[in-house]
């Protein structure tokens, strides 16, 4: 009882290189029937009716939905992390020097106010202090922008 055709060639070629596989359909034709029986049993389990079938399908559906949500949440977290990193580094590079400059400007105005106070005690007028180059803010005058007509 010999097999002719491509299946015969496969068995000969595969036996030259390794022993025939017991789970291959050509060497063990019964394995294909077992596979078909397993598939029909699985299909029947998925199509069970009643509350048991509903709960089985619902559980699988919730699990699949949870895995989908987990994947999407991870993707959103990665994009959010990248966005936050870009915003944080940009603000450090752009805003920190601006904040330092504003703080230094405030310190300079305070130092000028102290100096103006000492010069006023010595008898200098506001006109003389303006000629010396002190800003109006240090002299206690409102800047021109804040004056109302």
N, C-alpha and C. Protein backbone atom coordinates (compact mmCIF):
# COMPACT_ATOMS: atom_id res chain seq x y z
N UNK A 1 0.85 -1.17 0.00
CA UNK A 1 0.00 0.00 0.00
C UNK A 1 0.89 1.23 0.00
N UNK A 2 1.31 1.69 -1.16
CA UNK A 2 2.20 2.85 -1.26
C UNK A 2 1.42 4.05 -1.77
N UNK A 3 1.84 5.24 -1.33
CA UNK A 3 1.18 6.48 -1.71
C UNK A 3 1.91 7.03 -2.92
N UNK A 4 1.20 7.50 -3.92
CA UNK A 4 1.79 8.07 -5.13
C UNK A 4 1.46 9.55 -5.17
N UNK A 5 2.31 10.36 -5.76
CA UNK A 5 2.03 11.78 -5.95
C UNK A 5 2.84 12.64 -4.99
N UNK A 6 2.43 13.91 -4.85
CA UNK A 6 3.19 14.87 -4.04
C UNK A 6 3.31 14.46 -2.58
N UNK A 7 2.29 13.83 -2.03
CA UNK A 7 2.35 13.42 -0.63
C UNK A 7 3.47 12.40 -0.43
N UNK A 8 3.63 11.48 -1.41
CA UNK A 8 4.67 10.46 -1.34
C UNK A 8 6.05 11.12 -1.37
N UNK A 9 6.19 12.16 -2.19
CA UNK A 9 7.47 12.87 -2.29
C UNK A 9 7.76 13.59 -0.97
N UNK A 10 6.75 14.18 -0.36
CA UNK A 10 6.93 14.89 0.90
C UNK A 10 7.42 13.93 1.98
N UNK A 11 6.82 12.75 2.07
CA UNK A 11 7.21 11.78 3.09
C UNK A 11 8.64 11.33 2.85
N UNK A 12 9.01 11.09 1.59
CA UNK A 12 10.36 10.65 1.27
C UNK A 12 11.37 11.76 1.60
N UNK A 13 11.08 12.98 1.17
CA UNK A 13 12.01 14.08 1.40
C UNK A 13 12.12 14.38 2.89
N UNK A 14 11.00 14.41 3.61
CA UNK A 14 11.05 14.72 5.03
C UNK A 14 11.72 13.60 5.80
N UNK A 15 11.60 12.35 5.36
CA UNK A 15 12.26 11.27 6.07
C UNK A 15 13.75 11.27 5.82
N UNK A 16 14.21 11.89 4.73
CA UNK A 16 15.64 12.00 4.49
C UNK A 16 16.30 12.94 5.48
N UNK A 17 15.61 13.97 5.88
CA UNK A 17 16.21 14.98 6.76
C UNK A 17 15.87 14.77 8.23
N UNK A 18 14.70 14.30 8.53
CA UNK A 18 14.30 14.09 9.92
C UNK A 18 13.25 13.00 9.95
N UNK A 19 12.99 12.46 11.13
CA UNK A 19 11.94 11.43 11.20
C UNK A 19 10.58 12.06 10.93
N UNK A 20 9.64 11.31 10.38
CA UNK A 20 8.31 11.88 10.09
C UNK A 20 7.63 12.34 11.37
N UNK A 21 6.93 13.43 11.27
CA UNK A 21 6.25 14.01 12.42
C UNK A 21 4.95 13.26 12.67
N UNK A 22 4.70 12.83 13.92
CA UNK A 22 3.47 12.09 14.18
C UNK A 22 2.23 12.98 14.14
N UNK A 23 2.39 14.31 14.25
CA UNK A 23 1.22 15.18 14.25
C UNK A 23 0.93 15.75 12.87
N UNK A 24 1.61 15.29 11.84
CA UNK A 24 1.37 15.81 10.49
C UNK A 24 0.25 15.02 9.84
N UNK A 25 -0.66 15.69 9.12
CA UNK A 25 -1.82 14.98 8.54
C UNK A 25 -1.44 13.91 7.54
N UNK A 26 -0.29 14.02 6.88
CA UNK A 26 0.08 13.01 5.87
C UNK A 26 0.54 11.74 6.56
N UNK A 27 1.37 11.89 7.62
CA UNK A 27 1.86 10.70 8.32
C UNK A 27 0.84 10.13 9.30
N UNK A 28 -0.08 10.98 9.78
CA UNK A 28 -1.10 10.51 10.73
C UNK A 28 -2.44 11.11 10.31
N UNK A 29 -3.18 10.45 9.41
CA UNK A 29 -4.44 11.02 8.92
C UNK A 29 -5.49 11.23 10.00
N UNK A 30 -5.42 10.55 11.11
CA UNK A 30 -6.39 10.70 12.17
C UNK A 30 -6.29 12.05 12.87
N UNK A 31 -5.14 12.70 12.77
CA UNK A 31 -4.94 13.99 13.44
C UNK A 31 -5.86 15.06 12.86
N UNK A 32 -6.12 14.97 11.54
CA UNK A 32 -6.99 15.95 10.88
C UNK A 32 -8.42 15.81 11.39
N UNK A 33 -8.85 14.58 11.60
CA UNK A 33 -10.20 14.35 12.12
C UNK A 33 -10.31 14.87 13.55
N UNK A 34 -9.26 14.67 14.35
CA UNK A 34 -9.26 15.18 15.73
C UNK A 34 -9.32 16.71 15.73
N UNK A 35 -8.60 17.33 14.80
CA UNK A 35 -8.59 18.79 14.72
C UNK A 35 -9.98 19.31 14.37
N UNK A 36 -10.63 18.65 13.42
CA UNK A 36 -11.98 19.08 13.04
C UNK A 36 -12.96 18.91 14.21
N UNK A 37 -12.81 17.84 14.98
CA UNK A 37 -13.68 17.61 16.13
C UNK A 37 -13.45 18.69 17.19
N UNK A 38 -12.16 19.05 17.44
CA UNK A 38 -11.86 20.10 18.41
C UNK A 38 -12.45 21.43 17.98
N UNK A 39 -12.36 21.74 16.69
CA UNK A 39 -12.90 23.00 16.19
C UNK A 39 -14.40 23.06 16.33
N UNK A 40 -15.09 21.95 16.05
CA UNK A 40 -16.55 21.97 16.18
C UNK A 40 -16.95 22.08 17.65
N UNK A 41 -16.18 21.49 18.56
CA UNK A 41 -16.49 21.61 19.99
C UNK A 41 -16.29 23.06 20.46
N UNK A 42 -15.22 23.70 19.96
CA UNK A 42 -14.97 25.09 20.31
C UNK A 42 -16.08 25.98 19.77
N UNK A 43 -16.50 25.71 18.55
CA UNK A 43 -17.56 26.51 17.93
C UNK A 43 -18.86 26.34 18.72
N UNK A 44 -19.15 25.11 19.19
CA UNK A 44 -20.36 24.87 19.97
C UNK A 44 -20.29 25.60 21.31
N UNK A 45 -19.10 25.63 21.91
CA UNK A 45 -18.96 26.32 23.19
C UNK A 45 -19.20 27.82 23.03
N UNK A 46 -18.77 28.37 21.88
CA UNK A 46 -18.98 29.79 21.63
C UNK A 46 -20.43 30.09 21.31
N UNK A 47 -21.19 29.08 20.87
CA UNK A 47 -22.58 29.31 20.48
C UNK A 47 -23.56 28.80 21.53
N UNK A 48 -23.08 28.55 22.75
CA UNK A 48 -23.98 28.08 23.79
C UNK A 48 -25.05 29.12 24.05
N UNK A 49 -26.21 28.64 24.37
CA UNK A 49 -27.31 29.55 24.64
C UNK A 49 -27.52 29.73 26.13
N UNK A 50 -28.53 30.46 26.47
CA UNK A 50 -28.88 30.65 27.86
C UNK A 50 -27.94 31.61 28.57
N UNK A 51 -28.05 31.59 29.89
CA UNK A 51 -27.27 32.53 30.70
C UNK A 51 -25.79 32.17 30.67
N UNK A 52 -25.47 30.87 30.60
CA UNK A 52 -24.07 30.45 30.57
C UNK A 52 -23.39 30.95 29.30
N UNK A 53 -24.04 30.80 28.18
CA UNK A 53 -23.48 31.29 26.91
C UNK A 53 -23.33 32.80 26.91
N UNK A 54 -24.36 33.46 27.45
CA UNK A 54 -24.29 34.93 27.50
C UNK A 54 -23.13 35.39 28.36
N UNK A 55 -22.97 34.78 29.54
CA UNK A 55 -21.89 35.18 30.44
C UNK A 55 -20.51 34.86 29.84
N UNK A 56 -20.42 33.74 29.14
CA UNK A 56 -19.15 33.38 28.50
C UNK A 56 -18.79 34.41 27.44
N UNK A 57 -19.75 34.73 26.59
CA UNK A 57 -19.48 35.72 25.53
C UNK A 57 -19.23 37.10 26.12
N UNK A 58 -19.97 37.46 27.15
CA UNK A 58 -19.80 38.78 27.77
C UNK A 58 -18.42 38.88 28.41
N UNK A 59 -17.99 37.83 29.09
CA UNK A 59 -16.65 37.83 29.69
C UNK A 59 -15.56 38.01 28.66
N UNK A 60 -15.67 37.29 27.55
CA UNK A 60 -14.68 37.43 26.48
C UNK A 60 -14.72 38.82 25.88
N UNK A 61 -15.94 39.35 25.74
CA UNK A 61 -16.08 40.69 25.18
C UNK A 61 -15.48 41.75 26.10
N UNK A 62 -15.75 41.63 27.41
CA UNK A 62 -15.17 42.58 28.37
C UNK A 62 -13.66 42.49 28.41
N UNK A 63 -13.15 41.28 28.33
CA UNK A 63 -11.70 41.10 28.34
C UNK A 63 -11.08 41.75 27.10
N UNK A 64 -11.70 41.51 25.93
CA UNK A 64 -11.18 42.11 24.70
C UNK A 64 -11.27 43.64 24.77
N UNK A 65 -12.38 44.16 25.31
CA UNK A 65 -12.52 45.61 25.46
C UNK A 65 -11.49 46.18 26.42
N UNK A 66 -11.22 45.46 27.50
CA UNK A 66 -10.21 45.91 28.45
C UNK A 66 -8.82 45.94 27.84
N UNK A 67 -8.50 44.91 27.06
CA UNK A 67 -7.19 44.89 26.39
C UNK A 67 -7.07 46.03 25.39
N UNK A 68 -8.15 46.30 24.66
CA UNK A 68 -8.15 47.41 23.71
C UNK A 68 -7.95 48.74 24.44
N UNK A 69 -8.69 48.93 25.54
CA UNK A 69 -8.57 50.17 26.32
C UNK A 69 -7.16 50.31 26.90
N UNK A 70 -6.59 49.21 27.35
CA UNK A 70 -5.24 49.24 27.91
C UNK A 70 -4.22 49.67 26.85
N UNK A 71 -4.33 49.12 25.64
CA UNK A 71 -3.42 49.50 24.56
C UNK A 71 -3.57 50.98 24.20
N UNK A 72 -4.81 51.41 24.08
CA UNK A 72 -5.04 52.82 23.71
C UNK A 72 -4.61 53.77 24.82
N UNK A 73 -4.85 53.38 26.07
CA UNK A 73 -4.44 54.22 27.19
C UNK A 73 -2.92 54.36 27.23
N UNK A 74 -2.20 53.28 26.94
CA UNK A 74 -0.74 53.33 26.92
C UNK A 74 -0.28 54.26 25.79
N UNK A 75 -0.92 54.18 24.64
CA UNK A 75 -0.55 55.05 23.52
C UNK A 75 -0.81 56.51 23.87
N UNK A 76 -1.96 56.78 24.46
CA UNK A 76 -2.29 58.16 24.87
C UNK A 76 -1.31 58.64 25.93
N UNK A 77 -0.94 57.78 26.86
CA UNK A 77 0.02 58.17 27.90
C UNK A 77 1.38 58.50 27.29
N UNK A 78 1.79 57.75 26.28
CA UNK A 78 3.08 58.04 25.63
C UNK A 78 3.02 59.39 24.93
N UNK A 79 1.96 59.64 24.18
CA UNK A 79 1.84 60.93 23.50
C UNK A 79 1.74 62.07 24.51
N UNK A 80 0.97 61.86 25.58
CA UNK A 80 0.85 62.88 26.62
C UNK A 80 2.18 63.16 27.30
N UNK A 81 2.94 62.12 27.55
CA UNK A 81 4.26 62.29 28.15
C UNK A 81 5.19 63.08 27.25
N UNK A 82 5.17 62.77 25.97
CA UNK A 82 6.00 63.52 25.02
C UNK A 82 5.58 64.99 24.98
N UNK A 83 4.27 65.23 24.96
CA UNK A 83 3.77 66.60 24.92
C UNK A 83 4.19 67.37 26.17
N UNK A 84 4.03 66.75 27.33
CA UNK A 84 4.41 67.41 28.58
C UNK A 84 5.90 67.68 28.63
N UNK A 85 6.70 66.76 28.11
CA UNK A 85 8.15 66.96 28.07
C UNK A 85 8.50 68.17 27.20
N UNK A 86 7.86 68.27 26.04
CA UNK A 86 8.12 69.39 25.13
C UNK A 86 7.71 70.71 25.79
N UNK A 87 6.54 70.73 26.42
CA UNK A 87 6.08 71.96 27.08
C UNK A 87 7.01 72.33 28.23
N UNK A 88 7.42 71.36 29.02
CA UNK A 88 8.29 71.65 30.17
C UNK A 88 9.65 72.18 29.73
N UNK A 89 10.27 71.52 28.74
CA UNK A 89 11.59 71.98 28.30
C UNK A 89 11.51 73.33 27.62
N UNK A 90 10.45 73.56 26.85
CA UNK A 90 10.29 74.86 26.19
C UNK A 90 10.09 75.96 27.22
N UNK A 91 9.30 75.69 28.24
CA UNK A 91 9.08 76.72 29.25
C UNK A 91 10.35 76.99 30.04
N UNK A 92 11.14 75.98 30.27
CA UNK A 92 12.42 76.19 30.97
C UNK A 92 13.34 77.07 30.14
N UNK A 93 13.41 76.78 28.85
CA UNK A 93 14.32 77.53 27.98
C UNK A 93 13.82 78.95 27.74
N UNK A 94 12.51 79.14 27.62
CA UNK A 94 11.97 80.46 27.26
C UNK A 94 11.58 81.28 28.49
N UNK A 95 10.84 80.69 29.40
CA UNK A 95 10.27 81.46 30.51
C UNK A 95 11.24 81.72 31.66
N UNK A 96 12.14 80.81 31.94
CA UNK A 96 13.04 81.02 33.08
C UNK A 96 13.92 82.26 32.90
N UNK A 97 14.54 82.48 31.74
CA UNK A 97 15.31 83.73 31.59
C UNK A 97 14.43 84.97 31.74
N UNK A 98 13.19 84.91 31.26
CA UNK A 98 12.28 86.04 31.40
C UNK A 98 11.97 86.30 32.88
N UNK A 99 11.72 85.26 33.64
CA UNK A 99 11.45 85.41 35.07
C UNK A 99 12.66 86.00 35.79
N UNK A 100 13.85 85.49 35.44
CA UNK A 100 15.07 86.03 36.07
C UNK A 100 15.25 87.51 35.74
N UNK A 101 14.95 87.89 34.52
CA UNK A 101 15.10 89.29 34.11
C UNK A 101 14.10 90.19 34.86
N UNK A 102 12.88 89.72 35.02
CA UNK A 102 11.88 90.50 35.76
C UNK A 102 12.29 90.65 37.21
N UNK A 103 12.82 89.60 37.82
CA UNK A 103 13.28 89.69 39.21
C UNK A 103 14.45 90.67 39.34
N UNK A 104 15.36 90.61 38.37
CA UNK A 104 16.51 91.51 38.42
C UNK A 104 16.06 92.96 38.24
N UNK A 105 15.09 93.19 37.36
CA UNK A 105 14.56 94.54 37.15
C UNK A 105 13.94 95.09 38.45
N UNK A 106 13.19 94.23 39.16
CA UNK A 106 12.62 94.64 40.44
C UNK A 106 13.68 95.00 41.46
N UNK A 107 14.74 94.22 41.50
CA UNK A 107 15.84 94.52 42.43
C UNK A 107 16.52 95.83 42.09
N UNK A 108 16.68 96.09 40.77
CA UNK A 108 17.30 97.35 40.35
C UNK A 108 16.43 98.55 40.74
N UNK A 109 15.12 98.42 40.58
CA UNK A 109 14.22 99.51 40.96
C UNK A 109 14.29 99.76 42.46
N UNK A 110 14.32 98.69 43.26
CA UNK A 110 14.44 98.86 44.71
C UNK A 110 15.75 99.55 45.09
N UNK A 111 16.86 99.17 44.43
CA UNK A 111 18.15 99.81 44.72
C UNK A 111 18.12 101.29 44.32
N UNK A 112 17.48 101.59 43.16
CA UNK A 112 17.37 102.98 42.71
C UNK A 112 16.52 103.80 43.70
N UNK A 113 15.45 103.21 44.23
CA UNK A 113 14.58 103.91 45.19
C UNK A 113 15.36 104.26 46.45
N UNK A 114 16.19 103.34 46.92
CA UNK A 114 17.00 103.63 48.10
C UNK A 114 17.99 104.77 47.84
N UNK A 115 18.59 104.74 46.65
CA UNK A 115 19.55 105.79 46.30
C UNK A 115 18.86 107.15 46.15
N UNK A 116 17.66 107.16 45.53
CA UNK A 116 16.89 108.39 45.37
C UNK A 116 16.51 108.95 46.75
N UNK A 117 16.13 108.07 47.68
CA UNK A 117 15.76 108.50 49.02
C UNK A 117 16.94 109.20 49.71
N UNK A 118 18.13 108.63 49.57
CA UNK A 118 19.32 109.24 50.17
C UNK A 118 19.64 110.59 49.52
N UNK A 119 19.50 110.65 48.17
CA UNK A 119 19.80 111.91 47.46
C UNK A 119 18.77 112.99 47.80
N UNK A 120 17.53 112.62 48.01
CA UNK A 120 16.50 113.60 48.39
C UNK A 120 16.80 114.16 49.78
N UNK A 121 17.30 113.29 50.65
CA UNK A 121 17.66 113.76 51.99
C UNK A 121 18.83 114.76 51.93
N UNK A 122 19.65 114.62 50.89
CA UNK A 122 20.77 115.55 50.71
C UNK A 122 20.33 116.85 50.03
N UNK A 123 19.06 116.87 49.53
CA UNK A 123 18.53 118.10 48.98
C UNK A 123 18.38 118.15 47.48
N UNK A 124 18.52 117.07 46.80
CA UNK A 124 18.35 117.06 45.34
C UNK A 124 16.87 117.07 44.99
N UNK A 125 16.51 117.78 43.89
CA UNK A 125 15.12 117.84 43.45
C UNK A 125 14.84 116.71 42.45
N UNK A 126 13.53 116.51 42.15
CA UNK A 126 13.15 115.46 41.19
C UNK A 126 13.74 115.73 39.81
N UNK A 127 13.78 117.00 39.40
CA UNK A 127 14.35 117.35 38.09
C UNK A 127 15.83 116.99 38.03
N UNK A 128 16.57 117.27 39.11
CA UNK A 128 17.99 116.94 39.13
C UNK A 128 18.19 115.41 39.12
N UNK A 129 17.32 114.70 39.82
CA UNK A 129 17.44 113.24 39.86
C UNK A 129 17.12 112.62 38.49
N UNK A 130 16.15 113.23 37.78
CA UNK A 130 15.85 112.74 36.43
C UNK A 130 17.03 113.01 35.50
N UNK A 131 17.69 114.15 35.65
CA UNK A 131 18.85 114.46 34.84
C UNK A 131 20.00 113.49 35.14
N UNK A 132 20.06 112.98 36.36
CA UNK A 132 21.10 112.01 36.72
C UNK A 132 20.81 110.64 36.10
N UNK A 133 19.58 110.42 35.58
CA UNK A 133 19.26 109.18 34.88
C UNK A 133 18.42 108.20 35.66
N UNK A 134 17.87 108.61 36.78
CA UNK A 134 17.01 107.71 37.54
C UNK A 134 15.66 107.56 36.84
N UNK A 135 15.13 106.36 36.80
CA UNK A 135 13.81 106.17 36.16
C UNK A 135 12.70 106.80 37.00
N UNK A 136 11.59 107.11 36.33
CA UNK A 136 10.45 107.74 37.02
C UNK A 136 9.87 106.82 38.09
N UNK A 137 9.97 105.53 37.86
CA UNK A 137 9.44 104.57 38.85
C UNK A 137 10.23 104.72 40.16
N UNK A 138 11.54 104.89 40.05
CA UNK A 138 12.36 105.03 41.26
C UNK A 138 12.09 106.37 41.96
N UNK A 139 11.64 107.37 41.20
CA UNK A 139 11.35 108.69 41.78
C UNK A 139 9.96 108.74 42.40
N UNK A 140 9.18 107.68 42.23
CA UNK A 140 7.83 107.65 42.78
C UNK A 140 6.81 108.24 41.85
N UNK A 141 7.20 108.54 40.62
CA UNK A 141 6.26 109.08 39.63
C UNK A 141 5.70 107.92 38.81
N UNK A 142 4.46 108.07 38.39
CA UNK A 142 3.85 107.05 37.54
C UNK A 142 4.42 107.20 36.13
N UNK A 143 4.70 106.08 35.45
CA UNK A 143 5.15 106.14 34.06
C UNK A 143 4.08 106.80 33.19
N UNK A 144 4.48 107.33 32.06
CA UNK A 144 3.58 108.04 31.15
C UNK A 144 2.45 107.14 30.65
N UNK A 145 2.71 105.88 30.60
CA UNK A 145 1.69 104.96 30.08
C UNK A 145 0.52 104.84 31.05
N UNK A 146 0.79 104.96 32.33
CA UNK A 146 -0.25 104.79 33.33
C UNK A 146 -1.03 106.09 33.62
N UNK A 147 -0.54 107.20 33.13
CA UNK A 147 -1.23 108.47 33.40
C UNK A 147 -2.51 108.56 32.57
N UNK A 148 -3.60 109.02 33.20
CA UNK A 148 -4.86 109.19 32.45
C UNK A 148 -4.99 110.67 32.11
N UNK A 149 -5.59 110.93 30.97
CA UNK A 149 -5.76 112.31 30.49
C UNK A 149 -6.95 112.95 31.09
